[in-house]
Amino acid sequence: MANPASSGPPRVGRRSPNGGAYYRSVRHEPISPGQVRDRRFPEHIRHGCDPGEVRAFLHLVADELAALRAELATTRDENLRIKQALREWQSQFRPGAAA
């Protein structure tokens, strides 16, 4: 018996219009290290977690996030520099270029 919740044939092998990447809301902002550090949880919902350990863990996660973002920015800058150098090299050595 067919599933009444589904309508039409199954979508086997259907590709998303953005090549399989996940969609994000236009209003979505990436989480920042400061948001992680400043996150607060209600004290009455501890369930055995030590608030000091939770704070220490959040600071560790925030520090990792900040380091990864800095590394990503450095990598993007290096990528742009390499692309520009490649374009310049290609323009010098393309067929028909004056030597």
PDB file of N, CA and C in Angstrom:
ATOM      1  N   MET A   1       0.841  -1.186   0.000  1.00  0.00           N
ATOM      2  CA  MET A   1       0.000   0.000   0.000  1.00  0.00           C
ATOM      3  C   MET A   1       0.884   1.246   0.000  1.00  0.00           C
ATOM      4  N   ALA A   2       0.552   2.230  -0.774  1.00  0.00           N
ATOM      5  CA  ALA A   2       1.340   3.460  -0.881  1.00  0.00           C
ATOM      6  C   ALA A   2       1.197   4.281   0.379  1.00  0.00           C
ATOM      7  N   ASN A   3       2.220   5.052   0.653  1.00  0.00           N
ATOM      8  CA  ASN A   3       2.211   5.940   1.812  1.00  0.00           C
ATOM      9  C   ASN A   3       1.311   7.122   1.511  1.00  0.00           C
ATOM     10  N   PRO A   4       0.250   7.342   2.311  1.00  0.00           N
ATOM     11  CA  PRO A   4      -0.658   8.449   2.009  1.00  0.00           C
ATOM     12  C   PRO A   4      -0.011   9.814   2.210  1.00  0.00           C
ATOM     13  N   ALA A   5       1.070   9.863   2.981  1.00  0.00           N
ATOM     14  CA  ALA A   5       1.712  11.156   3.225  1.00  0.00           C
ATOM     15  C   ALA A   5       2.507  11.623   2.015  1.00  0.00           C
ATOM     16  N   SER A   6       2.926  10.684   1.161  1.00  0.00           N
ATOM     17  CA  SER A   6       3.706  11.087  -0.005  1.00  0.00           C
ATOM     18  C   SER A   6       2.779  11.278  -1.196  1.00  0.00           C
ATOM     19  N   SER A   7       3.123  12.196  -2.018  1.00  0.00           N
ATOM     20  CA  SER A   7       2.324  12.426  -3.221  1.00  0.00           C
ATOM     21  C   SER A   7       3.214  12.273  -4.434  1.00  0.00           C
ATOM     22  N   GLY A   8       2.754  11.506  -5.391  1.00  0.00           N
ATOM     23  CA  GLY A   8       3.509  11.331  -6.621  1.00  0.00           C
ATOM     24  C   GLY A   8       4.572  10.266  -6.477  1.00  0.00           C
ATOM     25  N   PRO A   9       5.340  10.061  -7.546  1.00  0.00           N
ATOM     26  CA  PRO A   9       6.372   9.029  -7.537  1.00  0.00           C
ATOM     27  C   PRO A   9       7.541   9.451  -6.640  1.00  0.00           C
ATOM     28  N   PRO A  10       8.315   8.492  -6.152  1.00  0.00           N
ATOM     29  CA  PRO A  10       9.478   8.845  -5.329  1.00  0.00           C
ATOM     30  C   PRO A  10      10.503   9.616  -6.154  1.00  0.00           C
ATOM     31  N   ARG A  11      11.249  10.453  -5.492  1.00  0.00           N
ATOM     32  CA  ARG A  11      12.240  11.302  -6.173  1.00  0.00           C
ATOM     33  C   ARG A  11      13.615  10.649  -6.132  1.00  0.00           C
ATOM     34  N   VAL A  12      13.751   9.519  -6.729  1.00  0.00           N
ATOM     35  CA  VAL A  12      15.020   8.803  -6.748  1.00  0.00           C
ATOM     36  C   VAL A  12      15.946   9.468  -7.749  1.00  0.00           C
ATOM     37  N   GLY A  13      17.143   9.759  -7.320  1.00  0.00           N
ATOM     38  CA  GLY A  13      18.144  10.330  -8.210  1.00  0.00           C
ATOM     39  C   GLY A  13      17.932  11.800  -8.570  1.00  0.00           C
ATOM     40  N   ARG A  14      17.003  12.451  -7.949  1.00  0.00           N
ATOM     41  CA  ARG A  14      16.769  13.865  -8.268  1.00  0.00           C
ATOM     42  C   ARG A  14      17.840  14.727  -7.628  1.00  0.00           C
ATOM     43  N   ARG A  15      18.375  15.635  -8.368  1.00  0.00           N
ATOM     44  CA  ARG A  15      19.450  16.497  -7.876  1.00  0.00           C
ATOM     45  C   ARG A  15      18.892  17.848  -7.486  1.00  0.00           C
ATOM     46  N   SER A  16      19.476  18.436  -6.473  1.00  0.00           N
ATOM     47  CA  SER A  16      19.027  19.758  -6.056  1.00  0.00           C
ATOM     48  C   SER A  16      19.582  20.804  -7.015  1.00  0.00           C
ATOM     49  N   PRO A  17      18.914  21.946  -7.157  1.00  0.00           N
ATOM     50  CA  PRO A  17      19.349  22.953  -8.117  1.00  0.00           C
ATOM     51  C   PRO A  17      20.680  23.603  -7.761  1.00  0.00           C
ATOM     52  N   ASN A  18      21.139  23.463  -6.521  1.00  0.00           N
ATOM     53  CA  ASN A  18      22.412  24.088  -6.161  1.00  0.00           C
ATOM     54  C   ASN A  18      23.535  23.063  -6.058  1.00  0.00           C
ATOM     55  N   GLY A  19      23.384  21.923  -6.725  1.00  0.00           N
ATOM     56  CA  GLY A  19      24.452  20.942  -6.789  1.00  0.00           C
ATOM     57  C   GLY A  19      24.605  20.101  -5.532  1.00  0.00           C
ATOM     58  N   GLY A  20      23.595  20.040  -4.697  1.00  0.00           N
ATOM     59  CA  GLY A  20      23.659  19.214  -3.505  1.00  0.00           C
ATOM     60  C   GLY A  20      24.058  19.953  -2.247  1.00  0.00           C
ATOM     61  N   ALA A  21      24.382  21.228  -2.359  1.00  0.00           N
ATOM     62  CA  ALA A  21      24.747  21.992  -1.169  1.00  0.00           C
ATOM     63  C   ALA A  21      23.506  22.273  -0.335  1.00  0.00           C
ATOM     64  N   TYR A  22      23.721  22.463   0.920  1.00  0.00           N
ATOM     65  CA  TYR A  22      22.604  22.767   1.802  1.00  0.00           C
ATOM     66  C   TYR A  22      22.173  24.215   1.615  1.00  0.00           C
ATOM     67  N   TYR A  23      20.876  24.422   1.732  1.00  0.00           N
ATOM     68  CA  TYR A  23      20.353  25.781   1.641  1.00  0.00           C
ATOM     69  C   TYR A  23      20.472  26.457   2.987  1.00  0.00           C
ATOM     70  N   ARG A  24      20.715  27.737   2.992  1.00  0.00           N
ATOM     71  CA  ARG A  24      20.751  28.527   4.215  1.00  0.00           C
ATOM     72  C   ARG A  24      19.818  29.704   4.051  1.00  0.00           C
ATOM     73  N   SER A  25      19.250  30.104   5.140  1.00  0.00           N
ATOM     74  CA  SER A  25      18.399  31.277   5.136  1.00  0.00           C
ATOM     75  C   SER A  25      19.251  32.498   4.839  1.00  0.00           C
ATOM     76  N   VAL A  26      18.678  33.449   4.155  1.00  0.00           N
ATOM     77  CA  VAL A  26      19.392  34.697   3.864  1.00  0.00           C
ATOM     78  C   VAL A  26      19.750  35.395   5.170  1.00  0.00           C
ATOM     79  N   ARG A  27      18.903  35.237   6.170  1.00  0.00           N
ATOM     80  CA  ARG A  27      19.134  35.899   7.455  1.00  0.00           C
ATOM     81  C   ARG A  27      20.098  35.131   8.345  1.00  0.00           C
ATOM     82  N   HIS A  28      20.521  33.947   7.935  1.00  0.00           N
ATOM     83  CA  HIS A  28      21.414  33.136   8.766  1.00  0.00           C
ATOM     84  C   HIS A  28      22.785  33.781   8.840  1.00  0.00           C
ATOM     85  N   GLU A  29      23.254  33.971  10.045  1.00  0.00           N
ATOM     86  CA  GLU A  29      24.610  34.464  10.266  1.00  0.00           C
ATOM     87  C   GLU A  29      25.405  33.345  10.919  1.00  0.00           C
ATOM     88  N   PRO A  30      26.628  33.098  10.501  1.00  0.00           N
ATOM     89  CA  PRO A  30      27.435  32.069  11.149  1.00  0.00           C
ATOM     90  C   PRO A  30      27.634  32.400  12.631  1.00  0.00           C
ATOM     91  N   ILE A  31      27.717  31.371  13.436  1.00  0.00           N
ATOM     92  CA  ILE A  31      27.924  31.574  14.867  1.00  0.00           C
ATOM     93  C   ILE A  31      29.330  32.119  15.085  1.00  0.00           C
ATOM     94  N   SER A  32      29.442  33.056  15.994  1.00  0.00           N
ATOM     95  CA  SER A  32      30.735  33.687  16.251  1.00  0.00           C
ATOM     96  C   SER A  32      31.338  33.130  17.540  1.00  0.00           C
ATOM     97  N   PRO A  33      32.657  33.251  17.693  1.00  0.00           N
ATOM     98  CA  PRO A  33      33.279  32.811  18.943  1.00  0.00           C
ATOM     99  C   PRO A  33      32.682  33.522  20.165  1.00  0.00           C
ATOM    100  N   GLY A  34      32.341  34.781  20.001  1.00  0.00           N
ATOM    101  CA  GLY A  34      31.746  35.525  21.111  1.00  0.00           C
ATOM    102  C   GLY A  34      30.396  34.967  21.522  1.00  0.00           C
ATOM    103  N   GLN A  35      29.611  34.528  20.539  1.00  0.00           N
ATOM    104  CA  GLN A  35      28.318  33.929  20.864  1.00  0.00           C
ATOM    105  C   GLN A  35      28.499  32.638  21.651  1.00  0.00           C
ATOM    106  N   VAL A  36      29.520  31.864  21.307  1.00  0.00           N
ATOM    107  CA  VAL A  36      29.778  30.626  22.040  1.00  0.00           C
ATOM    108  C   VAL A  36      30.218  30.948  23.458  1.00  0.00           C
ATOM    109  N   ARG A  37      31.169  31.896  23.601  1.00  0.00           N
ATOM    110  CA  ARG A  37      31.668  32.258  24.929  1.00  0.00           C
ATOM    111  C   ARG A  37      30.569  32.819  25.824  1.00  0.00           C
ATOM    112  N   ASP A  38      29.675  33.607  25.239  1.00  0.00           N
ATOM    113  CA  ASP A  38      28.656  34.305  26.024  1.00  0.00           C
ATOM    114  C   ASP A  38      27.383  33.501  26.241  1.00  0.00           C
ATOM    115  N   ARG A  39      27.319  32.286  25.708  1.00  0.00           N
ATOM    116  CA  ARG A  39      26.102  31.484  25.842  1.00  0.00           C
ATOM    117  C   ARG A  39      25.851  31.149  27.302  1.00  0.00           C
ATOM    118  N   ARG A  40      24.632  31.348  27.751  1.00  0.00           N
ATOM    119  CA  ARG A  40      24.235  31.053  29.135  1.00  0.00           C
ATOM    120  C   ARG A  40      23.119  30.027  29.119  1.00  0.00           C
ATOM    121  N   PHE A  41      23.148  29.135  30.080  1.00  0.00           N
ATOM    122  CA  PHE A  41      22.113  28.133  30.245  1.00  0.00           C
ATOM    123  C   PHE A  41      21.461  28.334  31.603  1.00  0.00           C
ATOM    124  N   PRO A  42      20.175  28.059  31.711  1.00  0.00           N
ATOM    125  CA  PRO A  42      19.507  28.201  33.002  1.00  0.00           C
ATOM    126  C   PRO A  42      20.169  27.311  34.058  1.00  0.00           C
ATOM    127  N   GLU A  43      20.382  27.850  35.236  1.00  0.00           N
ATOM    128  CA  GLU A  43      21.050  27.110  36.294  1.00  0.00           C
ATOM    129  C   GLU A  43      20.238  25.910  36.768  1.00  0.00           C
ATOM    130  N   HIS A  44      18.930  25.972  36.698  1.00  0.00           N
ATOM    131  CA  HIS A  44      18.103  24.889  37.221  1.00  0.00           C
ATOM    132  C   HIS A  44      18.015  23.678  36.289  1.00  0.00           C
ATOM    133  N   ILE A  45      18.628  23.741  35.112  1.00  0.00           N
ATOM    134  CA  ILE A  45      18.580  22.624  34.164  1.00  0.00           C
ATOM    135  C   ILE A  45      19.987  22.047  34.009  1.00  0.00           C
ATOM    136  N   ARG A  46      20.679  21.810  35.071  1.00  0.00           N
ATOM    137  CA  ARG A  46      22.050  21.315  35.012  1.00  0.00           C
ATOM    138  C   ARG A  46      22.126  19.838  34.679  1.00  0.00           C
ATOM    139  N   HIS A  47      21.281  19.035  35.266  1.00  0.00           N
ATOM    140  CA  HIS A  47      21.291  17.583  35.042  1.00  0.00           C
ATOM    141  C   HIS A  47      22.678  16.980  35.239  1.00  0.00           C
ATOM    142  N   GLY A  48      23.345  17.391  36.280  1.00  0.00           N
ATOM    143  CA  GLY A  48      24.632  16.797  36.613  1.00  0.00           C
ATOM    144  C   GLY A  48      25.828  17.471  35.976  1.00  0.00           C
ATOM    145  N   CYS A  49      25.636  18.464  35.131  1.00  0.00           N
ATOM    146  CA  CYS A  49      26.758  19.150  34.500  1.00  0.00           C
ATOM    147  C   CYS A  49      27.260  20.257  35.423  1.00  0.00           C
ATOM    148  N   ASP A  50      28.560  20.299  35.589  1.00  0.00           N
ATOM    149  CA  ASP A  50      29.167  21.357  36.396  1.00  0.00           C
ATOM    150  C   ASP A  50      29.207  22.633  35.554  1.00  0.00           C
ATOM    151  N   PRO A  51      28.573  23.709  36.022  1.00  0.00           N
ATOM    152  CA  PRO A  51      28.560  24.955  35.227  1.00  0.00           C
ATOM    153  C   PRO A  51      29.961  25.453  34.893  1.00  0.00           C
ATOM    154  N   GLY A  52      30.922  25.267  35.784  1.00  0.00           N
ATOM    155  CA  GLY A  52      32.301  25.688  35.502  1.00  0.00           C
ATOM    156  C   GLY A  52      32.912  24.910  34.351  1.00  0.00           C
ATOM    157  N   GLU A  53      32.639  23.603  34.307  1.00  0.00           N
ATOM    158  CA  GLU A  53      33.145  22.782  33.206  1.00  0.00           C
ATOM    159  C   GLU A  53      32.478  23.146  31.889  1.00  0.00           C
ATOM    160  N   VAL A  54      31.187  23.452  31.952  1.00  0.00           N
ATOM    161  CA  VAL A  54      30.475  23.860  30.737  1.00  0.00           C
ATOM    162  C   VAL A  54      31.066  25.162  30.216  1.00  0.00           C
ATOM    163  N   ARG A  55      31.300  26.139  31.103  1.00  0.00           N
ATOM    164  CA  ARG A  55      31.884  27.422  30.685  1.00  0.00           C
ATOM    165  C   ARG A  55      33.271  27.202  30.082  1.00  0.00           C
ATOM    166  N   ALA A  56      34.073  26.351  30.719  1.00  0.00           N
ATOM    167  CA  ALA A  56      35.423  26.084  30.214  1.00  0.00           C
ATOM    168  C   ALA A  56      35.359  25.443  28.832  1.00  0.00           C
ATOM    169  N   PHE A  57      34.415  24.517  28.657  1.00  0.00           N
ATOM    170  CA  PHE A  57      34.263  23.873  27.352  1.00  0.00           C
ATOM    171  C   PHE A  57      33.826  24.880  26.291  1.00  0.00           C
ATOM    172  N   LEU A  58      32.884  25.745  26.621  1.00  0.00           N
ATOM    173  CA  LEU A  58      32.429  26.762  25.663  1.00  0.00           C
ATOM    174  C   LEU A  58      33.571  27.690  25.273  1.00  0.00           C
ATOM    175  N   HIS A  59      34.421  28.046  26.217  1.00  0.00           N
ATOM    176  CA  HIS A  59      35.576  28.886  25.894  1.00  0.00           C
ATOM    177  C   HIS A  59      36.561  28.146  24.991  1.00  0.00           C
ATOM    178  N   LEU A  60      36.738  26.851  25.236  1.00  0.00           N
ATOM    179  CA  LEU A  60      37.611  26.054  24.384  1.00  0.00           C
ATOM    180  C   LEU A  60      37.068  25.994  22.957  1.00  0.00           C
ATOM    181  N   VAL A  61      35.770  25.755  22.828  1.00  0.00           N
ATOM    182  CA  VAL A  61      35.136  25.709  21.504  1.00  0.00           C
ATOM    183  C   VAL A  61      35.255  27.069  20.812  1.00  0.00           C
ATOM    184  N   ALA A  62      35.024  28.146  21.567  1.00  0.00           N
ATOM    185  CA  ALA A  62      35.116  29.493  20.990  1.00  0.00           C
ATOM    186  C   ALA A  62      36.532  29.786  20.504  1.00  0.00           C
ATOM    187  N   ASP A  63      37.533  29.377  21.278  1.00  0.00           N
ATOM    188  CA  ASP A  63      38.924  29.589  20.864  1.00  0.00           C
ATOM    189  C   ASP A  63      39.250  28.808  19.596  1.00  0.00           C
ATOM    190  N   GLU A  64      38.768  27.566  19.510  1.00  0.00           N
ATOM    191  CA  GLU A  64      38.970  26.761  18.302  1.00  0.00           C
ATOM    192  C   GLU A  64      38.301  27.416  17.099  1.00  0.00           C
ATOM    193  N   LEU A  65      37.079  27.899  17.304  1.00  0.00           N
ATOM    194  CA  LEU A  65      36.343  28.545  16.222  1.00  0.00           C
ATOM    195  C   LEU A  65      37.072  29.796  15.735  1.00  0.00           C
ATOM    196  N   ALA A  66      37.582  30.581  16.669  1.00  0.00           N
ATOM    197  CA  ALA A  66      38.328  31.783  16.288  1.00  0.00           C
ATOM    198  C   ALA A  66      39.595  31.417  15.513  1.00  0.00           C
ATOM    199  N   ALA A  67      40.302  30.376  15.953  1.00  0.00           N
ATOM    200  CA  ALA A  67      41.523  29.951  15.260  1.00  0.00           C
ATOM    201  C   ALA A  67      41.200  29.442  13.855  1.00  0.00           C
ATOM    202  N   LEU A  68      40.129  28.680  13.729  1.00  0.00           N
ATOM    203  CA  LEU A  68      39.752  28.173  12.403  1.00  0.00           C
ATOM    204  C   LEU A  68      39.342  29.293  11.461  1.00  0.00           C
ATOM    205  N   ARG A  69      38.633  30.274  11.985  1.00  0.00           N
ATOM    206  CA  ARG A  69      38.255  31.408  11.133  1.00  0.00           C
ATOM    207  C   ARG A  69      39.470  32.198  10.682  1.00  0.00           C
ATOM    208  N   ALA A  70      40.442  32.380  11.565  1.00  0.00           N
ATOM    209  CA  ALA A  70      41.674  33.084  11.189  1.00  0.00           C
ATOM    210  C   ALA A  70      42.429  32.295  10.124  1.00  0.00           C
ATOM    211  N   GLU A  71      42.498  30.978  10.297  1.00  0.00           N
ATOM    212  CA  GLU A  71      43.172  30.135   9.309  1.00  0.00           C
ATOM    213  C   GLU A  71      42.438  30.163   7.973  1.00  0.00           C
ATOM    214  N   LEU A  72      41.114  30.162   8.014  1.00  0.00           N
ATOM    215  CA  LEU A  72      40.332  30.236   6.779  1.00  0.00           C
ATOM    216  C   LEU A  72      40.582  31.562   6.060  1.00  0.00           C
ATOM    217  N   ALA A  73      40.628  32.650   6.799  1.00  0.00           N
ATOM    218  CA  ALA A  73      40.895  33.955   6.183  1.00  0.00           C
ATOM    219  C   ALA A  73      42.280  33.975   5.536  1.00  0.00           C
ATOM    220  N   THR A  74      43.271  33.410   6.218  1.00  0.00           N
ATOM    221  CA  THR A  74      44.624  33.342   5.667  1.00  0.00           C
ATOM    222  C   THR A  74      44.640  32.494   4.398  1.00  0.00           C
ATOM    223  N   THR A  75      43.932  31.383   4.424  1.00  0.00           N
ATOM    224  CA  THR A  75      43.879  30.493   3.255  1.00  0.00           C
ATOM    225  C   THR A  75      43.186  31.172   2.080  1.00  0.00           C
ATOM    226  N   ARG A  76      42.116  31.898   2.357  1.00  0.00           N
ATOM    227  CA  ARG A  76      41.428  32.618   1.278  1.00  0.00           C
ATOM    228  C   ARG A  76      42.322  33.682   0.666  1.00  0.00           C
ATOM    229  N   ASP A  77      43.056  34.415   1.505  1.00  0.00           N
ATOM    230  CA  ASP A  77      43.982  35.423   0.989  1.00  0.00           C
ATOM    231  C   ASP A  77      45.063  34.786   0.121  1.00  0.00           C
ATOM    232  N   GLU A  78      45.608  33.666   0.585  1.00  0.00           N
ATOM    233  CA  GLU A  78      46.637  32.958  -0.181  1.00  0.00           C
ATOM    234  C   GLU A  78      46.066  32.444  -1.502  1.00  0.00           C
ATOM    235  N   ASN A  79      44.843  31.948  -1.462  1.00  0.00           N
ATOM    236  CA  ASN A  79      44.183  31.464  -2.669  1.00  0.00           C
ATOM    237  C   ASN A  79      44.044  32.601  -3.688  1.00  0.00           C
ATOM    238  N   LEU A  80      43.610  33.756  -3.245  1.00  0.00           N
ATOM    239  CA  LEU A  80      43.478  34.899  -4.156  1.00  0.00           C
ATOM    240  C   LEU A  80      44.825  35.307  -4.735  1.00  0.00           C
ATOM    241  N   ARG A  81      45.867  35.303  -3.898  1.00  0.00           N
ATOM    242  CA  ARG A  81      47.206  35.662  -4.372  1.00  0.00           C
ATOM    243  C   ARG A  81      47.684  34.678  -5.432  1.00  0.00           C
ATOM    244  N   ILE A  82      47.468  33.389  -5.208  1.00  0.00           N
ATOM    245  CA  ILE A  82      47.902  32.368  -6.166  1.00  0.00           C
ATOM    246  C   ILE A  82      47.109  32.479  -7.462  1.00  0.00           C
ATOM    247  N   LYS A  83      45.803  32.711  -7.371  1.00  0.00           N
ATOM    248  CA  LYS A  83      44.994  32.877  -8.581  1.00  0.00           C
ATOM    249  C   LYS A  83      45.473  34.074  -9.400  1.00  0.00           C
ATOM    250  N   GLN A  84      45.776  35.170  -8.729  1.00  0.00           N
ATOM    251  CA  GLN A  84      46.250  36.354  -9.445  1.00  0.00           C
ATOM    252  C   GLN A  84      47.597  36.085 -10.117  1.00  0.00           C
ATOM    253  N   ALA A  85      48.496  35.411  -9.403  1.00  0.00           N
ATOM    254  CA  ALA A  85      49.799  35.074  -9.983  1.00  0.00           C
ATOM    255  C   ALA A  85      49.629  34.154 -11.188  1.00  0.00           C
ATOM    256  N   LEU A  86      48.712  33.197 -11.111  1.00  0.00           N
ATOM    257  CA  LEU A  86      48.460  32.299 -12.232  1.00  0.00           C
ATOM    258  C   LEU A  86      47.913  33.074 -13.428  1.00  0.00           C
ATOM    259  N   ARG A  87      46.979  33.986 -13.180  1.00  0.00           N
ATOM    260  CA  ARG A  87      46.441  34.799 -14.292  1.00  0.00           C
ATOM    261  C   ARG A  87      47.543  35.614 -14.970  1.00  0.00           C
ATOM    262  N   GLU A  88      48.427  36.192 -14.172  1.00  0.00           N
ATOM    263  CA  GLU A  88      49.526  36.976 -14.743  1.00  0.00           C
ATOM    264  C   GLU A  88      50.461  36.078 -15.554  1.00  0.00           C
ATOM    265  N   TRP A  89      50.768  34.899 -15.011  1.00  0.00           N
ATOM    266  CA  TRP A  89      51.637  33.976 -15.721  1.00  0.00           C
ATOM    267  C   TRP A  89      50.987  33.527 -17.023  1.00  0.00           C
ATOM    268  N   GLN A  90      49.680  33.217 -16.988  1.00  0.00           N
ATOM    269  CA  GLN A  90      48.978  32.766 -18.186  1.00  0.00           C
ATOM    270  C   GLN A  90      48.951  33.882 -19.235  1.00  0.00           C
ATOM    271  N   SER A  91      48.796  35.104 -18.818  1.00  0.00           N
ATOM    272  CA  SER A  91      48.757  36.207 -19.797  1.00  0.00           C
ATOM    273  C   SER A  91      50.133  36.409 -20.443  1.00  0.00           C
ATOM    274  N   GLN A  92      51.192  36.106 -19.730  1.00  0.00           N
ATOM    275  CA  GLN A  92      52.548  36.243 -20.304  1.00  0.00           C
ATOM    276  C   GLN A  92      52.860  35.123 -21.283  1.00  0.00           C
ATOM    277  N   PHE A  93      52.349  33.932 -21.017  1.00  0.00           N
ATOM    278  CA  PHE A  93      52.733  32.766 -21.822  1.00  0.00           C
ATOM    279  C   PHE A  93      51.615  32.216 -22.693  1.00  0.00           C
ATOM    280  N   ARG A  94      50.567  32.972 -22.859  1.00  0.00           N
ATOM    281  CA  ARG A  94      49.493  32.482 -23.742  1.00  0.00           C
ATOM    282  C   ARG A  94      49.979  32.527 -25.201  1.00  0.00           C
ATOM    283  N   PRO A  95      49.407  31.665 -26.028  1.00  0.00           N
ATOM    284  CA  PRO A  95      49.820  31.651 -27.439  1.00  0.00           C
ATOM    285  C   PRO A  95      49.568  33.026 -28.076  1.00  0.00           C
ATOM    286  N   GLY A  96      50.543  33.484 -28.799  1.00  0.00           N
ATOM    287  CA  GLY A  96      50.408  34.769 -29.490  1.00  0.00           C
ATOM    288  C   GLY A  96      50.849  35.957 -28.659  1.00  0.00           C
ATOM    289  N   ALA A  97      51.262  35.736 -27.410  1.00  0.00           N
ATOM    290  CA  ALA A  97      51.736  36.848 -26.579  1.00  0.00           C
ATOM    291  C   ALA A  97      53.137  37.224 -27.007  1.00  0.00           C
ATOM    292  N   ALA A  98      53.416  38.499 -26.966  1.00  0.00           N
ATOM    293  CA  ALA A  98      54.751  38.976 -27.344  1.00  0.00           C
ATOM    294  C   ALA A  98      55.748  38.556 -26.269  1.00  0.00           C
ATOM    295  N   ALA A  99      56.918  38.072 -26.725  1.00  0.00           N
ATOM    296  CA  ALA A  99      57.921  37.608 -25.771  1.00  0.00           C
ATOM    297  C   ALA A  99      58.859  38.709 -25.379  1.00  0.00           C
TER     298      ALA A  99
END
